[in-house]
N, C-alpha and C. Protein backbone atom coordinates (compact mmCIF):
# COMPACT_ATOMS: atom_id res chain seq x y z
N VAL A 1 152.12 92.26 111.66
CA VAL A 1 151.40 91.07 111.09
C VAL A 1 150.91 90.29 112.56
N TYR A 2 149.91 89.82 112.64
CA TYR A 2 149.63 88.50 113.64
C TYR A 2 149.65 87.46 113.21
N ALA A 3 149.99 86.15 113.85
CA ALA A 3 149.70 85.12 113.36
C ALA A 3 149.74 84.03 114.61
N GLY A 4 149.03 82.80 114.54
CA GLY A 4 149.26 82.24 115.57
C GLY A 4 149.47 80.58 115.09
N PHE A 5 149.89 79.69 115.95
CA PHE A 5 150.64 78.64 115.47
C PHE A 5 149.82 77.16 116.26
N SER A 6 150.19 76.03 116.01
CA SER A 6 149.58 74.88 116.61
C SER A 6 150.59 74.45 117.78
N ASP A 7 151.59 75.25 118.09
CA ASP A 7 152.24 75.01 119.10
C ASP A 7 151.88 75.90 120.14
N GLY A 8 150.76 76.56 120.11
CA GLY A 8 150.51 77.60 121.23
C GLY A 8 150.82 78.93 121.19
N ALA A 9 151.61 78.98 120.02
CA ALA A 9 152.36 80.35 120.09
C ALA A 9 151.35 81.22 119.31
N PHE A 10 151.32 82.53 119.64
CA PHE A 10 150.69 83.76 118.95
C PHE A 10 151.67 85.01 119.13
N VAL A 11 151.72 85.29 117.84
CA VAL A 11 152.84 86.41 117.97
C VAL A 11 152.48 87.74 116.96
N ALA A 12 153.06 88.92 117.33
CA ALA A 12 152.87 90.15 116.28
C ALA A 12 154.02 90.57 116.66
N LEU A 13 154.32 90.61 114.69
CA LEU A 13 155.81 90.55 113.93
C LEU A 13 155.94 92.14 113.00
N GLU A 14 156.92 92.60 113.35
CA GLU A 14 156.74 93.86 112.57
C GLU A 14 157.08 93.73 111.14
N THR A 15 155.90 94.19 110.49
CA THR A 15 156.39 94.07 109.09
C THR A 15 156.90 94.08 108.04
N SER A 16 157.89 95.28 108.20
CA SER A 16 158.99 95.70 107.41
C SER A 16 160.19 94.52 107.73
N SER A 17 160.76 93.96 108.83
CA SER A 17 161.65 93.55 109.23
C SER A 17 161.61 91.77 109.54
N GLY A 18 160.36 92.05 109.91
CA GLY A 18 159.90 90.26 110.66
C GLY A 18 160.33 89.82 112.26
N LYS A 19 160.88 91.09 112.66
CA LYS A 19 161.27 91.05 114.22
C LYS A 19 160.19 90.79 115.02
N THR A 20 160.01 90.07 115.78
CA THR A 20 158.97 90.10 117.02
C THR A 20 158.89 90.92 117.65
N ILE A 21 157.68 91.44 117.97
CA ILE A 21 157.00 92.56 118.88
C ILE A 21 156.68 92.09 120.24
N TRP A 22 155.86 91.14 120.16
CA TRP A 22 155.52 90.34 121.32
C TRP A 22 155.05 89.12 121.01
N GLU A 23 155.16 88.00 122.09
CA GLU A 23 154.98 86.68 121.89
C GLU A 23 154.08 86.07 123.21
N ARG A 24 153.02 85.26 122.87
CA ARG A 24 152.12 84.75 123.98
C ARG A 24 152.19 83.33 123.42
N SER A 25 151.92 82.60 124.54
CA SER A 25 151.93 81.23 124.57
C SER A 25 150.66 80.77 125.26
N PHE A 26 149.82 79.95 124.71
CA PHE A 26 148.39 79.29 124.97
C PHE A 26 148.57 77.99 125.23
N GLU A 27 149.93 77.61 125.54
CA GLU A 27 149.75 76.33 126.09
C GLU A 27 149.32 76.13 127.49
N ARG A 28 148.50 75.06 127.49
CA ARG A 28 148.15 74.64 128.91
C ARG A 28 147.81 73.16 129.32
N ALA A 29 148.21 72.57 130.27
CA ALA A 29 148.18 71.50 130.56
C ALA A 29 146.91 70.68 130.40
N GLY A 30 146.67 69.43 129.31
CA GLY A 30 145.65 68.82 129.63
C GLY A 30 144.54 69.44 128.38
N ARG A 31 145.15 70.63 127.73
CA ARG A 31 144.03 71.16 126.98
C ARG A 31 144.89 71.26 125.72
N PHE A 32 144.14 71.26 124.38
CA PHE A 32 144.71 71.47 123.18
C PHE A 32 145.40 73.06 123.38
N LYS A 33 146.68 73.25 122.53
CA LYS A 33 147.36 74.38 123.01
C LYS A 33 147.26 75.29 121.66
N ASP A 34 146.28 74.62 120.29
CA ASP A 34 146.73 75.52 119.02
C ASP A 34 146.12 76.85 119.31
N ALA A 35 146.61 77.81 118.78
CA ALA A 35 146.48 79.05 118.53
C ALA A 35 146.50 79.44 117.11
N ASP A 36 145.83 78.66 116.40
CA ASP A 36 146.00 78.78 114.59
C ASP A 36 144.58 78.97 113.98
N THR A 37 143.69 79.45 114.85
CA THR A 37 142.60 79.99 113.94
C THR A 37 142.63 81.46 113.53
N PRO A 38 141.95 81.80 112.54
CA PRO A 38 142.27 83.29 111.99
C PRO A 38 141.80 84.21 113.09
N PRO A 39 142.47 85.26 113.22
CA PRO A 39 142.39 86.30 114.13
C PRO A 39 141.38 87.43 113.43
N SER A 40 140.91 88.27 114.48
CA SER A 40 140.11 89.50 113.78
C SER A 40 140.67 90.95 114.65
N LEU A 41 140.70 91.59 113.82
CA LEU A 41 141.17 92.69 114.45
C LEU A 41 140.12 93.78 114.55
N SER A 42 139.98 94.80 115.59
CA SER A 42 138.98 95.66 115.80
C SER A 42 139.32 96.85 114.60
N PRO A 43 138.27 97.24 114.20
CA PRO A 43 138.40 98.60 113.25
C PRO A 43 139.47 99.48 113.70
N ASP A 44 139.55 99.89 114.93
CA ASP A 44 140.56 100.60 115.46
C ASP A 44 141.98 100.29 115.25
N GLY A 45 142.00 98.87 115.50
CA GLY A 45 143.37 98.27 115.58
C GLY A 45 143.87 97.98 116.77
N ALA A 46 143.28 98.33 118.14
CA ALA A 46 143.54 97.88 119.18
C ALA A 46 143.13 96.67 119.87
N VAL A 47 142.24 95.81 119.38
CA VAL A 47 142.13 94.60 120.02
C VAL A 47 142.26 93.62 118.93
N LEU A 48 142.70 92.48 119.27
CA LEU A 48 142.66 91.19 118.50
C LEU A 48 141.86 90.49 119.17
N TYR A 49 141.07 89.28 118.37
CA TYR A 49 140.17 88.58 118.90
C TYR A 49 140.47 87.48 117.98
N LEU A 50 140.65 86.26 119.15
CA LEU A 50 141.42 84.90 118.96
C LEU A 50 140.60 83.72 119.55
N SER A 51 140.10 83.19 118.83
CA SER A 51 139.24 81.42 119.27
C SER A 51 140.29 80.66 119.27
N LEU A 52 140.46 79.78 120.76
CA LEU A 52 141.53 78.84 120.68
C LEU A 52 140.83 77.52 120.39
N VAL A 53 141.74 76.88 119.70
CA VAL A 53 140.99 75.31 119.70
C VAL A 53 140.37 74.38 120.46
N ASP A 54 140.70 75.04 121.95
CA ASP A 54 140.41 74.26 122.92
C ASP A 54 138.94 74.61 123.71
N GLY A 55 138.86 76.09 123.00
CA GLY A 55 137.43 76.59 123.13
C GLY A 55 137.27 77.88 123.70
N ASP A 56 138.19 78.56 124.26
CA ASP A 56 138.40 79.82 124.53
C ASP A 56 138.23 80.71 123.55
N PHE A 57 137.61 81.80 123.68
CA PHE A 57 137.70 82.85 123.32
C PHE A 57 137.92 84.29 123.86
N VAL A 58 139.30 84.89 123.52
CA VAL A 58 140.02 85.99 124.20
C VAL A 58 140.30 87.37 123.08
N ALA A 59 140.64 88.43 123.90
CA ALA A 59 140.51 89.51 123.51
C ALA A 59 141.84 90.11 123.84
N LEU A 60 142.69 90.25 122.93
CA LEU A 60 143.98 90.82 123.57
C LEU A 60 144.33 92.23 123.09
N ARG A 61 145.18 92.89 123.68
CA ARG A 61 145.60 94.37 123.12
C ARG A 61 146.52 94.09 121.83
N SER A 62 146.31 94.73 121.31
CA SER A 62 147.02 94.02 119.92
C SER A 62 148.42 94.85 120.43
N ARG A 63 148.73 95.92 121.06
CA ARG A 63 150.07 96.66 121.01
C ARG A 63 151.05 95.80 122.03
N ASP A 64 150.30 94.95 122.86
CA ASP A 64 151.52 94.09 123.62
C ASP A 64 150.67 92.88 123.98
N GLY A 65 149.96 92.36 123.47
CA GLY A 65 149.35 90.88 123.56
C GLY A 65 148.58 90.60 124.99
N THR A 66 148.54 91.58 125.88
CA THR A 66 148.16 91.40 126.86
C THR A 66 146.30 91.21 126.90
N THR A 67 145.86 90.23 127.74
CA THR A 67 144.54 89.58 127.72
C THR A 67 143.91 90.55 127.87
N LEU A 68 142.79 91.33 127.72
CA LEU A 68 141.69 91.86 127.99
C LEU A 68 140.80 91.12 128.46
N TRP A 69 140.01 90.15 128.23
CA TRP A 69 138.95 89.40 128.39
C TRP A 69 139.20 88.10 127.69
N SER A 70 138.11 87.23 128.39
CA SER A 70 138.25 85.67 128.06
C SER A 70 136.98 85.26 128.24
N VAL A 71 136.46 84.55 127.34
CA VAL A 71 135.25 83.87 127.47
C VAL A 71 135.73 82.15 127.54
N PRO A 72 135.98 81.74 128.51
CA PRO A 72 136.56 80.26 128.56
C PRO A 72 135.42 79.27 128.32
N GLY A 73 135.70 78.38 127.68
CA GLY A 73 135.06 77.06 127.04
C GLY A 73 134.20 77.49 125.95
N ALA A 74 134.28 78.69 125.04
CA ALA A 74 133.21 79.19 124.22
C ALA A 74 133.16 78.55 123.08
N ALA A 75 133.92 78.93 122.18
CA ALA A 75 133.91 78.67 120.66
C ALA A 75 134.42 77.39 120.29
N ALA A 76 133.93 76.34 119.53
CA ALA A 76 134.66 75.36 119.00
C ALA A 76 135.22 75.71 117.34
N THR A 77 134.82 77.02 116.93
CA THR A 77 135.47 77.36 116.03
C THR A 77 135.63 79.11 115.77
N ALA A 78 136.09 79.79 114.71
CA ALA A 78 136.41 81.15 114.92
C ALA A 78 134.97 81.68 114.79
N PRO A 79 134.88 82.97 115.81
CA PRO A 79 133.51 83.52 115.88
C PRO A 79 133.07 84.28 114.33
N LEU A 80 131.92 84.79 114.26
CA LEU A 80 131.45 85.86 113.24
C LEU A 80 131.66 86.95 114.39
N ILE A 81 132.20 88.10 114.04
CA ILE A 81 132.06 89.31 114.76
C ILE A 81 131.69 90.08 114.15
N ASP A 82 130.67 91.09 114.67
CA ASP A 82 130.07 92.18 113.97
C ASP A 82 130.42 93.39 114.62
N PHE A 83 131.42 94.12 114.17
CA PHE A 83 131.79 95.19 115.02
C PHE A 83 130.64 96.34 115.05
N GLU A 84 129.94 96.44 114.12
CA GLU A 84 128.76 97.36 113.98
C GLU A 84 127.76 97.24 114.89
N GLU A 85 127.30 95.67 115.02
CA GLU A 85 126.50 95.28 115.96
C GLU A 85 126.78 95.34 117.58
N LYS A 86 128.21 95.13 117.38
CA LYS A 86 129.09 95.05 118.83
C LYS A 86 128.81 93.70 119.29
N ALA A 87 128.78 92.41 118.66
CA ALA A 87 128.17 91.23 118.94
C ALA A 87 129.24 90.27 118.52
N PHE A 88 129.13 89.25 119.06
CA PHE A 88 130.29 88.22 118.17
C PHE A 88 129.21 86.59 118.29
N TYR A 89 129.26 85.97 117.54
CA TYR A 89 128.26 84.64 116.94
C TYR A 89 129.52 83.63 117.18
N PHE A 90 129.27 82.24 117.96
CA PHE A 90 130.07 81.22 117.68
C PHE A 90 129.44 80.02 118.05
N SER A 91 130.09 78.89 117.35
CA SER A 91 129.47 77.46 117.45
C SER A 91 129.91 77.10 118.56
N ALA A 92 129.30 76.79 119.47
CA ALA A 92 130.03 76.15 121.01
C ALA A 92 130.53 74.92 120.84
N ARG A 93 131.28 74.36 121.54
CA ARG A 93 131.65 72.87 121.76
C ARG A 93 130.33 71.91 122.19
N ASP A 94 129.37 72.51 123.28
CA ASP A 94 128.68 71.86 123.82
C ASP A 94 127.06 71.74 123.04
N ASN A 95 127.49 71.98 121.19
CA ASN A 95 126.25 72.17 120.30
C ASN A 95 125.11 73.19 120.73
N ARG A 96 125.76 74.34 120.70
CA ARG A 96 124.99 75.43 120.70
C ARG A 96 125.53 76.55 120.07
N LEU A 97 124.66 77.16 119.65
CA LEU A 97 125.49 78.64 118.74
C LEU A 97 124.71 79.83 119.58
N VAL A 98 125.85 80.14 119.79
CA VAL A 98 125.77 81.60 121.00
C VAL A 98 125.84 82.83 120.20
N LYS A 99 125.27 84.04 120.93
CA LYS A 99 125.41 85.22 120.70
C LYS A 99 125.94 86.43 121.94
N TYR A 100 127.15 86.84 122.01
CA TYR A 100 127.54 87.72 122.86
C TYR A 100 127.67 89.03 122.43
N SER A 101 127.63 90.08 123.75
CA SER A 101 127.72 91.40 123.53
C SER A 101 129.38 91.56 123.29
N LEU A 102 130.13 92.41 122.29
CA LEU A 102 131.29 92.81 122.19
C LEU A 102 131.78 93.51 123.35
N GLU A 103 130.78 94.27 123.88
CA GLU A 103 130.99 95.44 124.93
C GLU A 103 131.63 94.75 126.49
N ASP A 104 130.91 93.98 126.68
CA ASP A 104 130.69 93.71 127.97
C ASP A 104 130.61 91.97 128.41
N THR A 105 130.95 91.19 127.11
CA THR A 105 130.81 89.71 127.27
C THR A 105 129.84 88.88 127.42
N ARG A 106 128.58 90.04 127.72
CA ARG A 106 127.57 89.14 128.31
C ARG A 106 126.45 88.18 126.98
N GLN A 107 126.23 87.00 127.55
CA GLN A 107 125.39 86.44 126.62
C GLN A 107 124.02 87.01 126.22
N LEU A 108 123.79 86.84 125.07
CA LEU A 108 122.69 87.74 124.23
C LEU A 108 121.50 86.51 124.35
N TRP A 109 121.94 85.68 123.83
CA TRP A 109 121.22 84.34 123.24
C TRP A 109 122.16 83.26 123.25
N ALA A 110 120.97 82.05 123.23
CA ALA A 110 122.00 80.52 122.99
C ALA A 110 120.66 79.55 122.13
N LEU A 111 120.98 79.42 121.14
CA LEU A 111 119.94 78.30 120.38
C LEU A 111 120.78 76.93 120.89
N ASP A 112 120.10 76.34 121.21
CA ASP A 112 120.68 74.70 121.55
C ASP A 112 120.72 74.00 120.25
N LEU A 113 121.42 73.32 119.84
CA LEU A 113 121.58 72.52 118.41
C LEU A 113 120.99 71.09 118.21
N GLY A 114 121.52 70.67 120.02
CA GLY A 114 121.06 69.61 120.24
C GLY A 114 121.70 68.35 119.41
N LYS A 115 120.72 67.68 118.76
CA LYS A 115 120.95 66.41 118.00
C LYS A 115 121.55 66.75 116.37
N ARG A 116 121.55 68.27 116.41
CA ARG A 116 122.15 68.53 115.20
C ARG A 116 123.47 68.54 114.96
N GLY A 117 124.13 68.55 115.96
CA GLY A 117 125.51 68.55 116.43
C GLY A 117 126.22 69.91 116.36
N VAL A 118 127.83 69.95 116.27
CA VAL A 118 128.58 71.20 116.53
C VAL A 118 128.43 71.93 115.40
N GLY A 119 128.24 73.40 115.50
CA GLY A 119 128.04 74.05 114.17
C GLY A 119 129.48 74.65 113.63
N SER A 120 129.34 75.30 112.12
CA SER A 120 130.63 75.61 111.74
C SER A 120 130.88 77.13 112.18
N LEU A 121 131.60 77.84 111.37
CA LEU A 121 131.95 79.33 111.75
C LEU A 121 130.55 79.66 111.10
N PRO A 122 130.04 80.62 111.81
CA PRO A 122 128.92 81.32 111.53
C PRO A 122 128.85 82.48 110.47
N VAL A 123 127.86 82.62 109.58
CA VAL A 123 127.89 83.38 108.48
C VAL A 123 126.88 84.40 108.38
N ALA A 124 127.31 85.91 108.24
CA ALA A 124 126.00 86.68 108.26
C ALA A 124 125.34 86.46 107.13
N LEU A 125 124.01 86.80 107.30
CA LEU A 125 123.01 86.60 106.10
C LEU A 125 122.57 88.06 106.23
N GLY A 126 123.06 88.86 105.74
CA GLY A 126 122.79 90.36 105.89
C GLY A 126 122.40 90.67 107.45
N LYS A 127 121.54 91.74 107.78
CA LYS A 127 121.61 92.18 109.25
C LYS A 127 120.58 91.10 109.68
N GLU A 128 119.80 90.36 109.32
CA GLU A 128 118.63 89.96 109.94
C GLU A 128 119.00 88.29 110.17
N ALA A 129 120.10 87.31 109.61
CA ALA A 129 120.15 86.05 110.25
C ALA A 129 121.43 85.75 109.91
N VAL A 130 121.69 84.59 110.30
CA VAL A 130 123.03 83.96 110.47
C VAL A 130 122.90 82.63 109.99
N ALA A 131 123.89 82.10 109.45
CA ALA A 131 123.89 80.52 108.90
C ALA A 131 125.01 79.92 109.46
N ILE A 132 124.94 78.41 109.73
CA ILE A 132 125.91 77.93 110.04
C ILE A 132 125.74 76.30 109.15
N THR A 133 126.50 75.48 109.10
CA THR A 133 126.54 74.12 108.83
C THR A 133 126.48 73.34 109.85
N THR A 134 126.08 72.12 110.26
CA THR A 134 126.32 71.82 111.70
C THR A 134 126.69 70.12 110.75
N THR A 135 127.28 69.31 112.14
CA THR A 135 127.76 67.73 111.94
C THR A 135 126.91 67.00 111.66
N ARG A 136 125.36 67.11 111.86
CA ARG A 136 124.31 66.28 111.85
C ARG A 136 123.01 66.93 110.95
N ALA A 137 123.06 68.03 110.63
CA ALA A 137 121.76 68.39 110.36
C ALA A 137 121.88 69.26 108.82
N GLY A 138 123.06 69.76 108.36
CA GLY A 138 123.12 70.40 107.06
C GLY A 138 123.18 71.97 107.50
N LEU A 139 122.42 72.50 106.82
CA LEU A 139 122.26 73.91 106.95
C LEU A 139 121.26 74.42 108.35
N VAL A 140 121.44 75.43 108.85
CA VAL A 140 120.69 75.87 110.17
C VAL A 140 120.71 77.30 109.90
N VAL A 141 119.58 78.35 109.74
CA VAL A 141 119.65 79.66 109.60
C VAL A 141 118.65 80.01 110.82
N VAL A 142 119.27 80.98 111.33
CA VAL A 142 118.69 81.68 112.70
C VAL A 142 118.54 83.17 112.76
N ASP A 143 117.51 83.57 113.61
CA ASP A 143 117.55 85.23 113.83
C ASP A 143 118.23 85.72 114.16
N ARG A 144 119.00 86.73 113.82
CA ARG A 144 120.23 87.35 114.63
C ARG A 144 119.85 88.11 115.65
N LYS A 145 118.59 88.68 115.88
CA LYS A 145 118.09 89.40 117.11
C LYS A 145 117.57 88.56 118.40
N THR A 146 116.81 87.63 117.85
CA THR A 146 116.30 86.41 118.62
C THR A 146 116.76 85.31 119.00
N GLY A 147 117.53 85.18 118.11
CA GLY A 147 118.19 83.47 118.07
C GLY A 147 117.31 82.45 117.72
N LYS A 148 116.15 82.81 117.45
CA LYS A 148 115.42 81.60 117.09
C LYS A 148 115.28 81.00 115.43
N LEU A 149 115.36 79.92 115.26
CA LEU A 149 115.47 78.94 114.24
C LEU A 149 114.52 79.48 113.35
N ILE A 150 114.83 79.77 112.14
CA ILE A 150 114.46 80.12 110.93
C ILE A 150 113.96 79.23 110.17
N PHE A 151 114.89 78.37 109.45
CA PHE A 151 114.55 77.12 108.94
C PHE A 151 116.09 76.21 109.34
N GLU A 152 115.98 74.86 108.54
CA GLU A 152 117.06 73.89 108.65
C GLU A 152 116.72 73.24 107.54
N GLU A 153 117.66 72.78 106.86
CA GLU A 153 117.77 71.92 105.68
C GLU A 153 119.00 70.66 105.96
N THR A 154 118.48 69.30 105.72
CA THR A 154 119.63 68.38 105.84
C THR A 154 119.76 67.97 104.46
N PHE A 155 121.41 68.16 104.32
CA PHE A 155 121.58 67.75 103.06
C PHE A 155 122.75 66.70 103.12
N ALA A 156 123.92 66.41 103.99
CA ALA A 156 124.74 65.42 104.43
C ALA A 156 125.06 65.63 105.90
N ILE A 157 124.70 64.61 106.21
CA ILE A 157 125.59 64.12 107.77
C ILE A 157 127.09 64.16 107.71
N GLY A 158 127.54 65.02 108.93
CA GLY A 158 129.13 65.29 108.66
C GLY A 158 129.52 66.52 108.39
N SER A 159 128.76 67.12 107.34
CA SER A 159 129.17 68.05 106.31
C SER A 159 129.24 69.43 107.66
N LEU A 160 130.55 70.06 107.13
CA LEU A 160 131.02 71.11 108.25
C LEU A 160 131.56 72.24 107.83
N SER A 161 131.83 72.35 106.36
CA SER A 161 132.24 73.60 105.84
C SER A 161 131.46 74.65 105.75
N ALA A 162 132.07 75.79 106.39
CA ALA A 162 130.58 76.85 106.54
C ALA A 162 130.23 77.60 105.06
N PRO A 163 129.14 77.82 105.62
CA PRO A 163 128.44 78.54 104.16
C PRO A 163 128.90 79.85 103.61
N ALA A 164 128.66 79.96 102.68
CA ALA A 164 129.07 81.24 101.79
C ALA A 164 127.82 82.21 101.51
N PHE A 165 127.95 83.51 101.39
CA PHE A 165 126.61 84.17 101.21
C PHE A 165 126.82 84.91 100.18
N ASP A 166 126.06 85.09 98.83
CA ASP A 166 126.32 85.88 97.91
C ASP A 166 125.59 87.30 97.99
N GLY A 167 125.01 87.58 99.36
CA GLY A 167 124.58 88.68 99.51
C GLY A 167 122.89 89.07 99.18
N LYS A 168 122.33 88.17 98.08
CA LYS A 168 120.70 88.11 97.98
C LYS A 168 119.89 87.58 98.88
């Protein structure tokens, strides 16, 4: 079992006993230390992906918690990770929606949300689009391949819950 906490601790626990296998601390001077966003585990179980509240997105080796790579100052929320596409999407603290390669952490595209504000957790709308809500623009839908805006609809200023998709 893997879990993160608001004091910056992130742990791996043995399921049968609760014994700590390893523990990491993400406490850093002058930055939020929270490590309590939901982690994602790679399909083979070898890598944990964690978005830290202060904006770093890190990949950890699941067996010992070693950092494999990090994208500093990246995510404002937990990312959408598409293991089949080998990419991850996140809403950045600087009002951008960004897509990165999961294989080499290369930025594939970025959409400047500008006055739309900070985005929520991105949600896949099938293989073609990704949707987010933003703090000042409601719902934003973007082409997954190009990062181009498909449409946006303003519902309520300040709304930020992640959208849900029914598959239709």
